[in-house]
Amino acid sequence: MEFIHLNINVADADETIEFYEQFGFEESWEFETPDGETQNRYIADENGIELQLSDTDGEAEFEEGTAWDHLAIGVDDVDEVFAEIDHYGVVKEPGDQPEAGARTAFVYDPDGRKVELVESLD
């Protein structure tokens, strides 16, 4: 078994791609639904892990469920990335999480999803 991708609904795929490109994701491929209403664009990290971004005409607000909380992205230096990236709000400023062996911070992406920045303390 292998992880293939995570699909998220987005209001503006271009804006979301720009956000995740700051972490090294690159656009990998795309397709449109047969009815032409939804553009599905994929971005991948250096390991091939993909996010499927579904941009449906007219949809700009999404009800978040309780089963999905955040997306974690490993970085070399949480404080540096936190200071340099364009984000859409701060959930939690950088801080050590000794129980997890990491320094973390949480920010929002363009559609208000939490993104955790994770730096190993090892």
N, C-alpha and C. Protein backbone atom coordinates (compact mmCIF):
# COMPACT_ATOMS: atom_id res chain seq x y z
N MET A 1 0.85 -1.17 0.00
CA MET A 1 0.00 0.00 0.00
C MET A 1 0.89 1.23 0.00
N GLU A 2 0.45 2.28 -0.71
CA GLU A 2 1.20 3.52 -0.74
C GLU A 2 0.26 4.71 -0.74
N PHE A 3 0.72 5.80 -0.20
CA PHE A 3 -0.03 7.04 -0.21
C PHE A 3 0.03 7.61 -1.62
N ILE A 4 -1.11 7.96 -2.21
CA ILE A 4 -1.15 8.48 -3.58
C ILE A 4 -1.23 10.00 -3.56
N HIS A 5 -2.31 10.57 -3.00
CA HIS A 5 -2.45 12.01 -2.93
C HIS A 5 -3.53 12.39 -1.92
N LEU A 6 -3.56 13.66 -1.59
CA LEU A 6 -4.61 14.24 -0.75
C LEU A 6 -5.35 15.23 -1.63
N ASN A 7 -6.66 15.13 -1.71
CA ASN A 7 -7.48 16.04 -2.51
C ASN A 7 -8.06 17.11 -1.60
N ILE A 8 -7.90 18.38 -2.00
CA ILE A 8 -8.53 19.47 -1.27
C ILE A 8 -9.24 20.39 -2.26
N ASN A 9 -10.40 20.89 -1.85
CA ASN A 9 -11.14 21.86 -2.66
C ASN A 9 -10.54 23.23 -2.43
N VAL A 10 -10.37 23.99 -3.50
CA VAL A 10 -9.76 25.31 -3.40
C VAL A 10 -10.60 26.33 -4.16
N ALA A 11 -10.55 27.58 -3.72
CA ALA A 11 -11.28 28.65 -4.40
C ALA A 11 -10.52 29.16 -5.62
N ASP A 12 -9.19 29.12 -5.56
CA ASP A 12 -8.36 29.63 -6.65
C ASP A 12 -7.09 28.77 -6.73
N ALA A 13 -7.06 27.88 -7.69
CA ALA A 13 -5.93 26.94 -7.81
C ALA A 13 -4.61 27.67 -8.02
N ASP A 14 -4.60 28.73 -8.81
CA ASP A 14 -3.35 29.46 -9.04
C ASP A 14 -2.78 30.01 -7.74
N GLU A 15 -3.63 30.61 -6.92
CA GLU A 15 -3.19 31.18 -5.65
C GLU A 15 -2.68 30.08 -4.72
N THR A 16 -3.39 28.95 -4.68
CA THR A 16 -2.99 27.85 -3.81
C THR A 16 -1.67 27.24 -4.28
N ILE A 17 -1.49 27.11 -5.58
CA ILE A 17 -0.23 26.59 -6.12
C ILE A 17 0.92 27.51 -5.72
N GLU A 18 0.74 28.81 -5.85
CA GLU A 18 1.79 29.76 -5.47
C GLU A 18 2.16 29.59 -4.00
N PHE A 19 1.17 29.38 -3.13
CA PHE A 19 1.43 29.18 -1.70
C PHE A 19 2.31 27.95 -1.48
N TYR A 20 1.92 26.81 -2.05
CA TYR A 20 2.65 25.57 -1.82
C TYR A 20 3.98 25.50 -2.57
N GLU A 21 4.15 26.29 -3.61
CA GLU A 21 5.45 26.35 -4.29
C GLU A 21 6.53 26.87 -3.35
N GLN A 22 6.13 27.67 -2.36
CA GLN A 22 7.08 28.17 -1.37
C GLN A 22 7.75 27.04 -0.59
N PHE A 23 7.13 25.86 -0.59
CA PHE A 23 7.66 24.70 0.12
C PHE A 23 8.31 23.70 -0.83
N GLY A 24 8.45 24.08 -2.09
CA GLY A 24 9.10 23.21 -3.06
C GLY A 24 8.16 22.33 -3.87
N PHE A 25 6.84 22.46 -3.66
CA PHE A 25 5.90 21.72 -4.50
C PHE A 25 5.94 22.28 -5.91
N GLU A 26 5.76 21.42 -6.90
CA GLU A 26 5.70 21.85 -8.29
C GLU A 26 4.48 21.24 -8.95
N GLU A 27 3.89 22.00 -9.87
CA GLU A 27 2.72 21.48 -10.58
C GLU A 27 3.15 20.29 -11.43
N SER A 28 2.38 19.18 -11.33
CA SER A 28 2.78 17.95 -12.02
C SER A 28 1.85 17.58 -13.17
N TRP A 29 0.55 17.76 -13.02
CA TRP A 29 -0.38 17.47 -14.11
C TRP A 29 -1.75 17.99 -13.75
N GLU A 30 -2.68 17.92 -14.69
CA GLU A 30 -4.04 18.42 -14.44
C GLU A 30 -5.04 17.73 -15.35
N PHE A 31 -6.30 17.81 -14.97
CA PHE A 31 -7.40 17.36 -15.83
C PHE A 31 -8.65 18.11 -15.44
N GLU A 32 -9.59 18.17 -16.38
CA GLU A 32 -10.86 18.83 -16.15
C GLU A 32 -11.96 17.78 -16.14
N THR A 33 -12.97 17.96 -15.29
CA THR A 33 -14.09 17.03 -15.28
C THR A 33 -14.84 17.11 -16.59
N PRO A 34 -15.52 16.04 -17.00
CA PRO A 34 -16.24 16.04 -18.28
C PRO A 34 -17.24 17.19 -18.44
N ASP A 35 -17.85 17.65 -17.33
CA ASP A 35 -18.81 18.75 -17.43
C ASP A 35 -18.12 20.12 -17.52
N GLY A 36 -16.80 20.14 -17.39
CA GLY A 36 -16.03 21.38 -17.51
C GLY A 36 -16.12 22.30 -16.30
N GLU A 37 -16.75 21.84 -15.23
CA GLU A 37 -16.94 22.71 -14.06
C GLU A 37 -15.79 22.67 -13.06
N THR A 38 -15.03 21.58 -13.04
CA THR A 38 -13.96 21.46 -12.05
C THR A 38 -12.63 21.19 -12.71
N GLN A 39 -11.68 22.03 -12.40
CA GLN A 39 -10.30 21.85 -12.85
C GLN A 39 -9.53 21.19 -11.71
N ASN A 40 -8.92 20.05 -11.98
CA ASN A 40 -8.12 19.34 -10.98
C ASN A 40 -6.66 19.51 -11.35
N ARG A 41 -5.92 20.18 -10.47
CA ARG A 41 -4.50 20.42 -10.71
C ARG A 41 -3.72 19.75 -9.59
N TYR A 42 -2.65 19.11 -9.96
CA TYR A 42 -1.83 18.37 -9.02
C TYR A 42 -0.49 19.05 -8.82
N ILE A 43 -0.05 19.08 -7.56
CA ILE A 43 1.28 19.55 -7.23
C ILE A 43 1.98 18.44 -6.46
N ALA A 44 3.29 18.31 -6.64
CA ALA A 44 4.04 17.23 -6.00
C ALA A 44 5.29 17.77 -5.32
N ASP A 45 5.67 17.12 -4.21
CA ASP A 45 6.93 17.48 -3.56
C ASP A 45 8.06 16.66 -4.17
N GLU A 46 9.27 16.84 -3.68
CA GLU A 46 10.43 16.16 -4.26
C GLU A 46 10.37 14.64 -4.12
N ASN A 47 9.53 14.14 -3.21
CA ASN A 47 9.37 12.70 -3.02
C ASN A 47 8.22 12.12 -3.84
N GLY A 48 7.52 12.98 -4.57
CA GLY A 48 6.41 12.52 -5.40
C GLY A 48 5.07 12.53 -4.70
N ILE A 49 5.00 13.00 -3.44
CA ILE A 49 3.72 13.08 -2.74
C ILE A 49 2.92 14.22 -3.38
N GLU A 50 1.67 13.94 -3.74
CA GLU A 50 0.87 14.91 -4.46
C GLU A 50 -0.31 15.45 -3.65
N LEU A 51 -0.63 16.71 -3.92
CA LEU A 51 -1.88 17.31 -3.48
C LEU A 51 -2.71 17.53 -4.73
N GLN A 52 -3.95 17.08 -4.72
CA GLN A 52 -4.88 17.33 -5.82
C GLN A 52 -5.71 18.54 -5.41
N LEU A 53 -5.65 19.58 -6.20
CA LEU A 53 -6.37 20.81 -5.92
C LEU A 53 -7.57 20.89 -6.86
N SER A 54 -8.78 20.78 -6.29
CA SER A 54 -10.00 20.81 -7.09
C SER A 54 -10.61 22.20 -7.02
N ASP A 55 -10.59 22.89 -8.16
CA ASP A 55 -11.08 24.25 -8.29
C ASP A 55 -12.37 24.19 -9.08
N THR A 56 -13.51 24.33 -8.39
CA THR A 56 -14.82 24.26 -9.03
C THR A 56 -15.38 25.67 -9.20
N ASP A 57 -15.76 26.01 -10.44
CA ASP A 57 -16.30 27.33 -10.73
C ASP A 57 -17.38 27.72 -9.73
N GLY A 58 -17.21 28.91 -9.14
CA GLY A 58 -18.23 29.45 -8.25
C GLY A 58 -18.11 29.03 -6.80
N GLU A 59 -17.33 28.02 -6.49
CA GLU A 59 -17.19 27.60 -5.10
C GLU A 59 -15.99 28.30 -4.48
N ALA A 60 -16.26 29.04 -3.40
CA ALA A 60 -15.19 29.78 -2.75
C ALA A 60 -15.14 29.56 -1.25
N GLU A 61 -16.17 28.94 -0.69
CA GLU A 61 -16.20 28.66 0.75
C GLU A 61 -16.50 27.19 0.95
N PHE A 62 -15.77 26.59 1.89
CA PHE A 62 -15.90 25.16 2.12
C PHE A 62 -16.10 24.89 3.60
N GLU A 63 -17.00 23.98 3.91
CA GLU A 63 -17.22 23.59 5.29
C GLU A 63 -16.19 22.54 5.65
N GLU A 64 -15.40 22.84 6.66
CA GLU A 64 -14.36 21.90 7.07
C GLU A 64 -14.96 20.83 7.98
N GLY A 65 -14.60 19.60 7.73
CA GLY A 65 -15.02 18.51 8.57
C GLY A 65 -14.13 18.40 9.79
N THR A 66 -14.45 17.52 10.67
CA THR A 66 -13.65 17.36 11.88
C THR A 66 -12.64 16.23 11.76
N ALA A 67 -12.67 15.50 10.66
CA ALA A 67 -11.77 14.36 10.51
C ALA A 67 -10.39 14.79 9.99
N TRP A 68 -10.28 15.95 9.44
CA TRP A 68 -9.01 16.43 8.87
C TRP A 68 -8.64 17.72 9.57
N ASP A 69 -7.43 17.77 10.15
CA ASP A 69 -7.05 18.95 10.93
C ASP A 69 -6.02 19.82 10.24
N HIS A 70 -4.94 19.23 9.72
CA HIS A 70 -3.90 20.03 9.11
C HIS A 70 -3.01 19.19 8.21
N LEU A 71 -2.22 19.89 7.41
CA LEU A 71 -1.22 19.27 6.55
C LEU A 71 0.14 19.64 7.13
N ALA A 72 1.00 18.65 7.37
CA ALA A 72 2.33 18.91 7.93
C ALA A 72 3.37 18.88 6.81
N ILE A 73 4.24 19.89 6.81
CA ILE A 73 5.31 19.98 5.82
C ILE A 73 6.63 20.12 6.56
N GLY A 74 7.57 19.23 6.28
CA GLY A 74 8.88 19.28 6.90
C GLY A 74 9.72 20.39 6.29
N VAL A 75 10.37 21.17 7.14
CA VAL A 75 11.25 22.25 6.71
C VAL A 75 12.56 22.17 7.48
N ASP A 76 13.61 22.80 6.95
CA ASP A 76 14.91 22.79 7.62
C ASP A 76 14.96 23.75 8.80
N ASP A 77 14.26 24.88 8.70
CA ASP A 77 14.30 25.90 9.74
C ASP A 77 12.93 26.56 9.85
N VAL A 78 12.16 26.17 10.87
CA VAL A 78 10.80 26.68 11.04
C VAL A 78 10.77 28.20 11.13
N ASP A 79 11.67 28.77 11.94
CA ASP A 79 11.64 30.22 12.13
C ASP A 79 11.92 30.97 10.83
N GLU A 80 12.85 30.49 10.06
CA GLU A 80 13.19 31.14 8.79
C GLU A 80 12.02 31.06 7.81
N VAL A 81 11.45 29.87 7.67
CA VAL A 81 10.33 29.69 6.73
C VAL A 81 9.13 30.52 7.20
N PHE A 82 8.84 30.49 8.48
CA PHE A 82 7.72 31.25 9.05
C PHE A 82 7.86 32.73 8.74
N ALA A 83 9.09 33.25 8.83
CA ALA A 83 9.33 34.67 8.59
C ALA A 83 9.29 35.04 7.12
N GLU A 84 9.64 34.10 6.24
CA GLU A 84 9.80 34.42 4.82
C GLU A 84 8.59 34.14 3.94
N ILE A 85 7.78 33.14 4.27
CA ILE A 85 6.70 32.76 3.35
C ILE A 85 5.53 33.73 3.41
N ASP A 86 4.82 33.82 2.31
CA ASP A 86 3.55 34.53 2.29
C ASP A 86 2.49 33.55 2.75
N HIS A 87 1.88 33.84 3.90
CA HIS A 87 0.83 32.95 4.39
C HIS A 87 -0.43 33.77 4.59
N TYR A 88 -1.47 33.13 5.02
CA TYR A 88 -2.78 33.77 5.10
C TYR A 88 -3.29 33.80 6.54
N GLY A 89 -2.36 33.96 7.46
CA GLY A 89 -2.71 34.06 8.87
C GLY A 89 -1.91 33.07 9.69
N VAL A 90 -1.76 33.41 10.97
CA VAL A 90 -0.99 32.59 11.90
C VAL A 90 -1.94 31.88 12.84
N VAL A 91 -1.77 30.57 12.97
CA VAL A 91 -2.51 29.79 13.95
C VAL A 91 -1.69 29.71 15.22
N LYS A 92 -0.38 29.40 15.06
CA LYS A 92 0.52 29.26 16.20
C LYS A 92 1.94 29.61 15.76
N GLU A 93 2.55 30.54 16.48
CA GLU A 93 3.91 30.95 16.16
C GLU A 93 4.90 29.83 16.48
N PRO A 94 6.12 29.91 15.94
CA PRO A 94 7.11 28.85 16.16
C PRO A 94 7.36 28.58 17.64
N GLY A 95 7.50 27.30 17.94
CA GLY A 95 7.79 26.88 19.31
C GLY A 95 8.23 25.43 19.33
N ASP A 96 9.02 25.08 20.34
CA ASP A 96 9.49 23.71 20.49
C ASP A 96 8.38 22.82 21.03
N GLN A 97 8.32 21.62 20.52
CA GLN A 97 7.40 20.57 20.98
C GLN A 97 8.27 19.37 21.37
N PRO A 98 8.91 19.41 22.55
CA PRO A 98 9.86 18.36 22.93
C PRO A 98 9.26 16.95 22.89
N GLU A 99 7.99 16.84 23.24
CA GLU A 99 7.34 15.52 23.24
C GLU A 99 7.27 14.92 21.84
N ALA A 100 7.28 15.78 20.82
CA ALA A 100 7.25 15.32 19.44
C ALA A 100 8.63 15.36 18.79
N GLY A 101 9.62 15.89 19.53
CA GLY A 101 10.97 16.00 18.99
C GLY A 101 11.06 16.98 17.85
N ALA A 102 10.23 18.04 17.90
CA ALA A 102 10.18 18.97 16.77
C ALA A 102 9.94 20.41 17.22
N ARG A 103 10.30 21.33 16.36
CA ARG A 103 9.91 22.73 16.49
C ARG A 103 8.85 22.94 15.41
N THR A 104 7.74 23.55 15.78
CA THR A 104 6.63 23.66 14.84
C THR A 104 6.05 25.07 14.84
N ALA A 105 5.31 25.35 13.79
CA ALA A 105 4.49 26.55 13.68
C ALA A 105 3.30 26.17 12.80
N PHE A 106 2.21 26.89 12.94
CA PHE A 106 1.02 26.64 12.13
C PHE A 106 0.60 27.94 11.45
N VAL A 107 0.32 27.85 10.14
CA VAL A 107 -0.17 28.98 9.36
C VAL A 107 -1.38 28.52 8.55
N TYR A 108 -2.08 29.48 7.95
CA TYR A 108 -3.20 29.15 7.07
C TYR A 108 -2.77 29.24 5.62
N ASP A 109 -3.36 28.37 4.77
CA ASP A 109 -3.17 28.48 3.32
C ASP A 109 -4.27 29.40 2.78
N PRO A 110 -4.33 29.65 1.46
CA PRO A 110 -5.31 30.60 0.93
C PRO A 110 -6.77 30.28 1.25
N ASP A 111 -7.10 29.01 1.47
CA ASP A 111 -8.49 28.64 1.75
C ASP A 111 -8.75 28.39 3.23
N GLY A 112 -7.80 28.81 4.09
CA GLY A 112 -8.01 28.71 5.53
C GLY A 112 -7.69 27.37 6.15
N ARG A 113 -6.99 26.50 5.42
CA ARG A 113 -6.57 25.21 6.00
C ARG A 113 -5.29 25.41 6.78
N LYS A 114 -5.21 24.69 7.90
CA LYS A 114 -3.99 24.78 8.71
C LYS A 114 -2.87 23.98 8.07
N VAL A 115 -1.69 24.61 8.02
CA VAL A 115 -0.48 23.98 7.54
C VAL A 115 0.54 24.04 8.66
N GLU A 116 1.04 22.88 9.07
CA GLU A 116 2.05 22.81 10.12
C GLU A 116 3.43 22.77 9.49
N LEU A 117 4.32 23.63 9.96
CA LEU A 117 5.71 23.61 9.57
C LEU A 117 6.46 22.83 10.64
N VAL A 118 7.22 21.82 10.23
CA VAL A 118 7.87 20.93 11.20
C VAL A 118 9.37 20.88 10.95
N GLU A 119 10.14 21.15 12.00
CA GLU A 119 11.60 21.04 11.98
C GLU A 119 12.01 20.06 13.06
N SER A 120 12.77 19.06 12.70
CA SER A 120 13.23 18.08 13.67
C SER A 120 14.18 18.73 14.66
N LEU A 121 14.05 18.38 15.94
CA LEU A 121 14.98 18.89 16.96
C LEU A 121 16.22 18.03 17.06
N ASP A 122 16.26 16.93 16.33
CA ASP A 122 17.44 16.04 16.36
C ASP A 122 18.59 16.59 15.57
